[in-house]
Amino acid sequence: MGAVVAAIAASIGGGLVAERGLGERARRLSSAVLGAMFWVGIPFVTFFSLARLHVTTGVGAGLALGYLELTIVGAAAYLIGARFLRLPRASTGALVLVVVLVNTGYLGLPLARTLLGSGQLAPAIAFDSLVSGPMFYLGGLAIGAAFGAMAHRQGGGHLRAVVRNPPLLAAIAGLLAPNVLAPEALVHAAHAVVYAMLVTGFFVLGVNLAGEAEHGWLRLPLTRPVAAAVVLRLLVAPALMAGLSATVVAVPHAYLFQAAMPSGINSLVVAHAYGLDLRLTSSALAWTTAVAIAAAIVGAAL
């Protein structure tokens, strides 16, 4: 666990330093890194891990519970932001966004492998690919279009984004593929790539945070909206998933673990593209990540 935390800190620090020193070249590098992970790294990990996943009632039903849980906490975030805190529309959208987009990939997969063991990595990947992925391409973009100040509505754009989604296609192929197409050596290689994605993902976060600082956006106070995001994302969401699992159907431990992950890095992408509240987005991302990592350290120590 200490190595994971050190890797996260070093990666974010490296991204901050790179953006400060290289500027636009660092941003181009981060874009290239994200592209490589999206088109190559994540599909590789997804296919060879899910090809070994044994689909049970709990595995399948748990994915539906994941969507239900995210829908409920997203609705709660909207009501808190719009009715209780009376936030501007762009800030309400940012609050909903950071609650429903979850870092089950760059952080959730390495932590699941480290804390739960290799046996829980495949269901953790299933949750990331089949719940968090579509939530970004459908839910996240829809939230940006609905609440953002710079929404660009292009007919069929969301559908094209889903169809041209290698991780989602790899997840479907992996679930349909027989075990023989996933030899043990490639499964182990996929597990190793998970840790590489931890480093590259948080390097990109460091570059993005440094870019925000240049525009005066990187101030991370624990305001009431940020506190609401922390509570909804890290307490209410996993508690709701655990409650649904206890009353409906038992789900893999990895699903409960993934439900407790912090806000997703992709929330920055959507906030930039659609004009949502970047300060709230960055603050919620930083606070939920810090609290989640601290909780993971305590859990590993106990």
Protein backbone atom coordinates (compact mmCIF):
# COMPACT_ATOMS: atom_id res chain seq x y z
CA MET A 1 0.00 0.00 0.00
CA GLY A 2 2.87 2.37 0.79
CA ALA A 3 4.24 1.84 -2.70
CA VAL A 4 0.87 2.74 -4.24
CA VAL A 5 0.64 5.97 -2.24
CA ALA A 6 4.25 6.86 -3.08
CA ALA A 7 3.55 6.21 -6.77
CA ILE A 8 0.48 8.47 -6.68
CA ALA A 9 2.38 11.29 -4.95
CA ALA A 10 5.35 10.98 -7.31
CA SER A 11 3.10 10.87 -10.38
CA ILE A 12 1.10 13.95 -9.42
CA GLY A 13 4.31 15.76 -8.50
CA GLY A 14 5.89 14.78 -11.80
CA GLY A 15 2.88 16.12 -13.68
CA LEU A 16 3.01 19.41 -11.78
CA VAL A 17 6.73 19.83 -12.47
CA ALA A 18 6.38 18.83 -16.12
CA GLU A 19 3.61 21.33 -16.77
CA ARG A 20 5.55 24.11 -15.05
CA GLY A 21 8.71 23.35 -17.01
CA LEU A 22 7.37 22.26 -20.38
CA GLY A 23 4.04 24.04 -20.61
CA GLU A 24 2.21 23.15 -23.81
CA ARG A 25 4.52 20.20 -24.52
CA ALA A 26 3.54 18.64 -21.19
CA ARG A 27 -0.13 19.08 -22.03
CA ARG A 28 0.41 17.43 -25.43
CA LEU A 29 2.26 14.60 -23.69
CA SER A 30 -0.58 14.11 -21.23
CA SER A 31 -3.07 14.00 -24.11
CA ALA A 32 -0.93 11.39 -25.86
CA VAL A 33 -0.70 9.34 -22.66
CA LEU A 34 -4.47 9.42 -22.20
CA GLY A 35 -4.91 8.39 -25.82
CA ALA A 36 -2.55 5.44 -25.43
CA MET A 37 -4.34 4.27 -22.31
CA PHE A 38 -7.76 4.69 -23.89
CA TRP A 39 -6.97 2.92 -27.15
CA VAL A 40 -4.42 0.33 -26.00
CA GLY A 41 -3.78 -0.02 -22.26
CA ILE A 42 -7.31 -0.16 -20.85
CA PRO A 43 -8.71 -2.44 -23.61
CA PHE A 44 -5.78 -4.84 -23.08
CA VAL A 45 -6.36 -5.03 -19.33
CA THR A 46 -10.12 -5.24 -19.74
CA PHE A 47 -10.22 -8.05 -22.29
CA PHE A 48 -7.73 -10.41 -20.67
CA SER A 49 -9.16 -9.89 -17.18
CA LEU A 50 -12.84 -10.21 -18.06
CA ALA A 51 -12.22 -13.30 -20.20
CA ARG A 52 -11.46 -15.08 -16.90
CA LEU A 53 -14.41 -13.59 -15.01
CA HIS A 54 -17.01 -16.12 -13.86
CA VAL A 55 -20.35 -14.35 -14.30
CA THR A 56 -22.73 -15.19 -11.44
CA THR A 57 -26.08 -13.71 -10.41
CA GLY A 58 -24.29 -11.39 -7.99
CA VAL A 59 -21.84 -10.23 -10.65
CA GLY A 60 -24.57 -9.39 -13.17
CA ALA A 61 -27.14 -7.95 -10.78
CA GLY A 62 -24.45 -5.95 -9.00
CA LEU A 63 -23.81 -3.96 -12.18
CA ALA A 64 -27.47 -2.93 -12.25
CA LEU A 65 -27.24 -1.96 -8.58
CA GLY A 66 -24.22 0.16 -9.44
CA TYR A 67 -26.29 2.21 -11.88
CA LEU A 68 -29.11 2.50 -9.36
CA GLU A 69 -26.73 3.69 -6.64
CA LEU A 70 -25.17 6.32 -8.92
CA THR A 71 -28.60 7.53 -10.04
CA ILE A 72 -29.73 8.00 -6.46
CA VAL A 73 -26.61 9.88 -5.28
CA GLY A 74 -26.66 11.98 -8.46
CA ALA A 75 -30.25 12.99 -7.77
CA ALA A 76 -29.33 13.79 -4.16
CA ALA A 77 -26.43 15.95 -5.37
CA TYR A 78 -28.79 17.88 -7.65
CA LEU A 79 -31.30 18.49 -4.86
CA ILE A 80 -28.59 19.58 -2.42
CA GLY A 81 -26.92 21.87 -4.95
CA ALA A 82 -30.03 23.43 -6.48
CA ARG A 83 -32.47 23.51 -3.56
CA PHE A 84 -30.42 23.53 -0.33
CA LEU A 85 -27.16 25.30 -1.29
CA ARG A 86 -28.81 27.29 -4.13
CA LEU A 87 -25.73 27.02 -6.32
CA PRO A 88 -25.50 28.50 -9.82
CA ARG A 89 -26.41 26.07 -12.58
CA ALA A 90 -22.78 25.44 -13.59
CA SER A 91 -21.85 24.68 -9.95
CA THR A 92 -24.84 22.37 -9.47
CA GLY A 93 -23.81 20.47 -12.58
CA ALA A 94 -20.24 20.20 -11.27
CA LEU A 95 -21.50 18.81 -7.95
CA VAL A 96 -23.61 16.17 -9.70
CA LEU A 97 -20.70 15.35 -12.01
CA VAL A 98 -18.09 14.70 -9.31
CA VAL A 99 -20.56 12.47 -7.45
CA VAL A 100 -21.50 10.21 -10.39
CA LEU A 101 -18.10 10.02 -12.16
CA VAL A 102 -15.90 7.72 -10.09
CA ASN A 103 -12.18 6.90 -10.24
CA THR A 104 -12.69 3.14 -10.45
CA GLY A 105 -9.97 2.83 -13.10
CA TYR A 106 -6.77 4.76 -12.43
CA LEU A 107 -7.12 4.41 -8.63
CA GLY A 108 -9.77 1.74 -8.03
CA LEU A 109 -8.09 -1.03 -10.01
CA PRO A 110 -4.59 -0.74 -8.44
CA LEU A 111 -6.08 -0.42 -4.95
CA ALA A 112 -8.42 -3.38 -5.50
CA ARG A 113 -5.46 -5.48 -6.69
CA THR A 114 -3.37 -4.36 -3.69
CA LEU A 115 -5.95 -4.55 -0.89
CA LEU A 116 -8.35 -7.26 -2.09
CA GLY A 117 -6.02 -9.53 -4.03
CA SER A 118 -5.83 -10.65 -7.65
CA GLY A 119 -9.04 -12.66 -7.34
CA GLN A 120 -11.10 -9.46 -7.07
CA LEU A 121 -9.43 -7.64 -9.95
CA ALA A 122 -11.71 -9.07 -12.67
CA PRO A 123 -14.97 -7.95 -10.99
CA ALA A 124 -13.35 -4.59 -10.22
CA ILE A 125 -12.60 -4.23 -13.94
CA ALA A 126 -16.15 -5.30 -14.81
CA PHE A 127 -17.54 -2.51 -12.61
CA ASP A 128 -15.11 0.02 -14.09
CA SER A 129 -15.80 -0.96 -17.70
CA LEU A 130 -19.53 -1.63 -17.59
CA VAL A 131 -20.67 0.96 -15.03
CA SER A 132 -18.13 3.79 -14.71
CA GLY A 133 -17.24 3.83 -18.41
CA PRO A 134 -20.79 4.24 -19.75
CA MET A 135 -21.54 6.69 -16.93
CA PHE A 136 -18.80 8.93 -18.34
CA TYR A 137 -19.76 8.64 -22.00
CA LEU A 138 -23.50 8.88 -21.38
CA GLY A 139 -24.13 10.34 -17.93
CA GLY A 140 -21.13 12.67 -17.67
CA LEU A 141 -21.54 14.19 -21.12
CA ALA A 142 -25.29 14.54 -20.61
CA ILE A 143 -24.71 16.39 -17.32
CA GLY A 144 -22.24 18.72 -19.04
CA ALA A 145 -24.69 19.41 -21.86
CA ALA A 146 -27.55 20.02 -19.43
CA PHE A 147 -25.76 22.31 -16.95
CA GLY A 148 -22.74 23.74 -18.78
CA ALA A 149 -22.34 27.26 -20.06
CA MET A 150 -20.60 26.06 -23.24
CA ALA A 151 -22.63 22.99 -24.17
CA HIS A 152 -22.08 21.89 -27.74
CA ARG A 153 -24.99 19.75 -28.79
CA GLN A 154 -24.11 17.69 -31.83
CA GLY A 155 -26.68 15.20 -32.99
CA GLY A 156 -25.59 11.63 -32.35
CA GLY A 157 -22.31 12.72 -30.73
CA HIS A 158 -22.94 10.77 -27.54
CA LEU A 159 -23.90 7.65 -29.47
CA ARG A 160 -20.73 7.87 -31.58
CA ALA A 161 -18.68 8.28 -28.42
CA VAL A 162 -20.12 5.05 -27.04
CA VAL A 163 -19.67 3.10 -30.26
CA ARG A 164 -16.07 4.31 -30.66
CA ASN A 165 -15.20 3.25 -27.12
CA PRO A 166 -12.44 0.59 -27.11
CA PRO A 167 -12.65 -0.16 -23.34
CA LEU A 168 -16.39 -0.82 -23.57
CA LEU A 169 -15.99 -2.96 -26.70
CA ALA A 170 -13.13 -4.85 -25.03
CA ALA A 171 -15.33 -5.47 -21.98
CA ILE A 172 -18.09 -6.95 -24.13
CA ALA A 173 -15.58 -9.07 -26.07
CA GLY A 174 -13.93 -10.26 -22.86
CA LEU A 175 -17.24 -11.34 -21.33
CA LEU A 176 -18.08 -13.31 -24.49
CA ALA A 177 -14.61 -14.83 -25.03
CA PRO A 178 -13.75 -18.35 -23.82
CA ASN A 179 -11.00 -18.78 -21.22
CA VAL A 180 -8.64 -20.26 -23.81
CA LEU A 181 -8.24 -16.83 -25.41
CA ALA A 182 -6.81 -15.44 -22.16
CA PRO A 183 -3.64 -17.43 -21.34
CA GLU A 184 -2.22 -17.04 -17.85
CA ALA A 185 0.83 -15.07 -19.05
CA LEU A 186 -1.30 -12.38 -20.65
CA VAL A 187 -3.57 -12.19 -17.61
CA HIS A 188 -0.52 -11.53 -15.43
CA ALA A 189 0.69 -8.94 -17.95
CA ALA A 190 -2.70 -7.22 -17.76
CA HIS A 191 -2.38 -7.03 -13.97
CA ALA A 192 1.01 -5.36 -14.36
CA VAL A 193 -0.42 -2.79 -16.77
CA VAL A 194 -2.91 -1.80 -14.05
CA TYR A 195 -0.07 -0.36 -11.99
CA ALA A 196 1.36 1.45 -15.01
CA MET A 197 -2.02 3.12 -15.50
CA LEU A 198 -1.91 4.31 -11.89
CA VAL A 199 1.30 6.24 -12.62
CA THR A 200 0.22 7.64 -15.99
CA GLY A 201 -3.27 8.57 -14.81
CA PHE A 202 -2.06 10.61 -11.87
CA PHE A 203 0.71 12.18 -13.95
CA VAL A 204 -2.04 13.51 -16.21
CA LEU A 205 -3.93 14.75 -13.14
CA GLY A 206 -0.81 16.64 -12.02
CA VAL A 207 -0.50 18.28 -15.44
CA ASN A 208 -4.17 19.28 -15.36
CA LEU A 209 -3.97 20.67 -11.83
CA ALA A 210 -0.90 22.74 -12.73
CA GLY A 211 -2.77 24.09 -15.75
CA GLU A 212 -5.68 25.06 -13.51
CA ALA A 213 -3.29 26.92 -11.20
CA GLU A 214 -2.11 29.09 -14.10
CA HIS A 215 -5.69 30.32 -14.55
CA GLY A 216 -6.23 30.94 -10.86
CA TRP A 217 -8.58 27.97 -10.46
CA LEU A 218 -6.43 25.73 -8.30
CA ARG A 219 -7.73 26.75 -4.91
CA LEU A 220 -8.96 23.81 -2.96
CA PRO A 221 -10.98 25.03 0.05
CA LEU A 222 -13.34 22.64 1.81
CA THR A 223 -16.46 24.65 1.05
CA ARG A 224 -20.00 23.43 1.70
CA PRO A 225 -20.45 22.15 -1.88
CA VAL A 226 -17.11 20.32 -1.71
CA ALA A 227 -18.03 18.85 1.68
CA ALA A 228 -21.34 17.68 0.18
CA ALA A 229 -19.42 16.01 -2.66
CA VAL A 230 -17.09 14.25 -0.20
CA VAL A 231 -19.98 12.94 1.91
CA LEU A 232 -22.07 11.79 -1.05
CA ARG A 233 -19.19 10.19 -2.94
CA LEU A 234 -17.29 8.52 -0.09
CA LEU A 235 -19.98 7.82 2.51
CA VAL A 236 -23.47 7.78 1.02
CA ALA A 237 -22.58 5.98 -2.24
CA PRO A 238 -20.81 2.96 -0.68
CA ALA A 239 -23.36 2.76 2.15
CA LEU A 240 -26.16 2.71 -0.42
CA MET A 241 -24.39 0.02 -2.46
CA ALA A 242 -23.86 -2.08 0.67
CA GLY A 243 -27.50 -1.66 1.67
CA LEU A 244 -28.77 -2.65 -1.77
CA SER A 245 -26.45 -5.64 -1.77
CA ALA A 246 -27.68 -6.76 1.64
CA THR A 247 -31.35 -6.49 0.72
CA VAL A 248 -31.35 -7.52 -2.97
CA VAL A 249 -28.41 -9.75 -3.89
CA ALA A 250 -24.87 -10.25 -2.60
CA VAL A 251 -22.34 -8.65 -4.94
CA PRO A 252 -18.57 -9.16 -5.24
CA HIS A 253 -16.52 -7.33 -2.61
CA ALA A 254 -14.84 -5.43 -5.45
CA TYR A 255 -18.15 -3.74 -6.31
CA LEU A 256 -18.51 -2.37 -2.79
CA PHE A 257 -14.88 -1.27 -2.94
CA GLN A 258 -15.33 0.50 -6.27
CA ALA A 259 -18.45 2.25 -5.01
CA ALA A 260 -16.26 3.93 -2.36
CA MET A 261 -13.72 5.36 -4.79
CA PRO A 262 -13.20 9.15 -5.16
CA SER A 263 -14.36 11.42 -7.95
CA GLY A 264 -13.06 10.52 -11.39
CA ILE A 265 -10.29 12.38 -13.18
CA ASN A 266 -12.54 12.55 -16.25
CA SER A 267 -14.73 15.06 -14.40
CA LEU A 268 -12.09 17.69 -15.25
CA VAL A 269 -12.42 16.82 -18.94
CA VAL A 270 -16.19 17.32 -18.88
CA ALA A 271 -15.98 20.48 -16.77
CA HIS A 272 -13.50 22.03 -19.23
CA ALA A 273 -15.50 21.04 -22.29
CA TYR A 274 -18.89 22.27 -21.07
CA GLY A 275 -18.07 25.23 -18.84
CA LEU A 276 -18.96 23.76 -15.46
CA ASP A 277 -17.52 25.11 -12.19
CA LEU A 278 -13.82 24.17 -12.46
CA ARG A 279 -12.93 25.30 -8.95
CA LEU A 280 -15.58 23.07 -7.41
CA THR A 281 -14.62 20.19 -9.72
CA SER A 282 -10.90 20.43 -8.90
CA SER A 283 -11.51 20.84 -5.17
CA ALA A 284 -13.88 17.88 -4.98
CA LEU A 285 -11.47 15.75 -7.00
CA ALA A 286 -8.56 16.62 -4.72
CA TRP A 287 -10.47 16.22 -1.45
CA THR A 288 -12.20 12.96 -2.30
CA THR A 289 -8.93 11.48 -3.57
CA ALA A 290 -7.00 12.53 -0.44
CA VAL A 291 -9.68 11.19 1.91
CA ALA A 292 -10.04 7.91 -0.01
CA ILE A 293 -6.27 7.30 -0.01
CA ALA A 294 -6.04 8.11 3.71
CA ALA A 295 -8.89 5.68 4.42
CA ALA A 296 -7.18 3.00 2.32
CA ILE A 297 -3.93 3.47 4.28
CA VAL A 298 -5.78 3.12 7.59
CA GLY A 299 -7.65 0.07 6.31
CA ALA A 300 -4.46 -1.59 5.13
CA ALA A 301 -2.78 -0.90 8.50
CA LEU A 302 -5.69 -2.46 10.38
